[in-house]
Amino acid sequence: MNDVIYQYDGSLDGFLCCVYESYVYKEAPAAFCCDEDPLSLYEVRTVVTQPAYSQRVSRGIAARSGKALAVVRRGFLTCLPDKELHLYAFIRKLLAEGPGFMRDLSDPACYPLYRAIRHMNGELEKLRGFVRFSDYGGTLGAEIEPKNRVLPLLRGHQHRQLAGAGRPGADGPGRIFCL
């Protein structure tokens, strides 16, 4: 087995395509990277994101456990170092053994992900409670510096809050921006 690094676009779909390619080539990647030119002595395999492949992997995970798919999606948004390697180990174990191992919170494939997701959920709740928007000429904006990638999770909550407050244009597209 050759040591290889998978290079992808940094999206969840791109990562799931890496999982697909690892099964196609029957190899376990030594690392994953999103950089344009990784410095490594390992062979670098560039993986192109293809929605059909990522959907196939998502369906395979969901067929074994809906909770596992939620763990993969949430785990991908965390700031866990080498999160792709942890997610890859989790997916491989799920596909090999089924979802039973997920009940053991101390399992080496689960523990780092569960811990990172718990950390992200805490940060998300803090931001849900304390983010305040300012009016910038009819457009609402807020400045935050999250450690995790919580904006996709925060967006729906803030949209509902602003729509419930009767803000003009809060239910229209393009009125809330995040930089």
Foldseek 3Di string as FASTA:
>chain_A
DFAEEEEEQLDLLRLLQVLLVCVVVVHDYPAYYDDPDDDDPGHYDYGYRDNVSSVVLLVLLVVLPVVLSVLSVLLSQFLQVRSSNLNSLLSVCCNVPTDPCCVPCPPSSRVSSVVRSVVVVVQLVVCLPDWDWDDDPQATETDDDDSTNCCVVNVVSVLVVCVVVVRPCSVPPPRYDYD
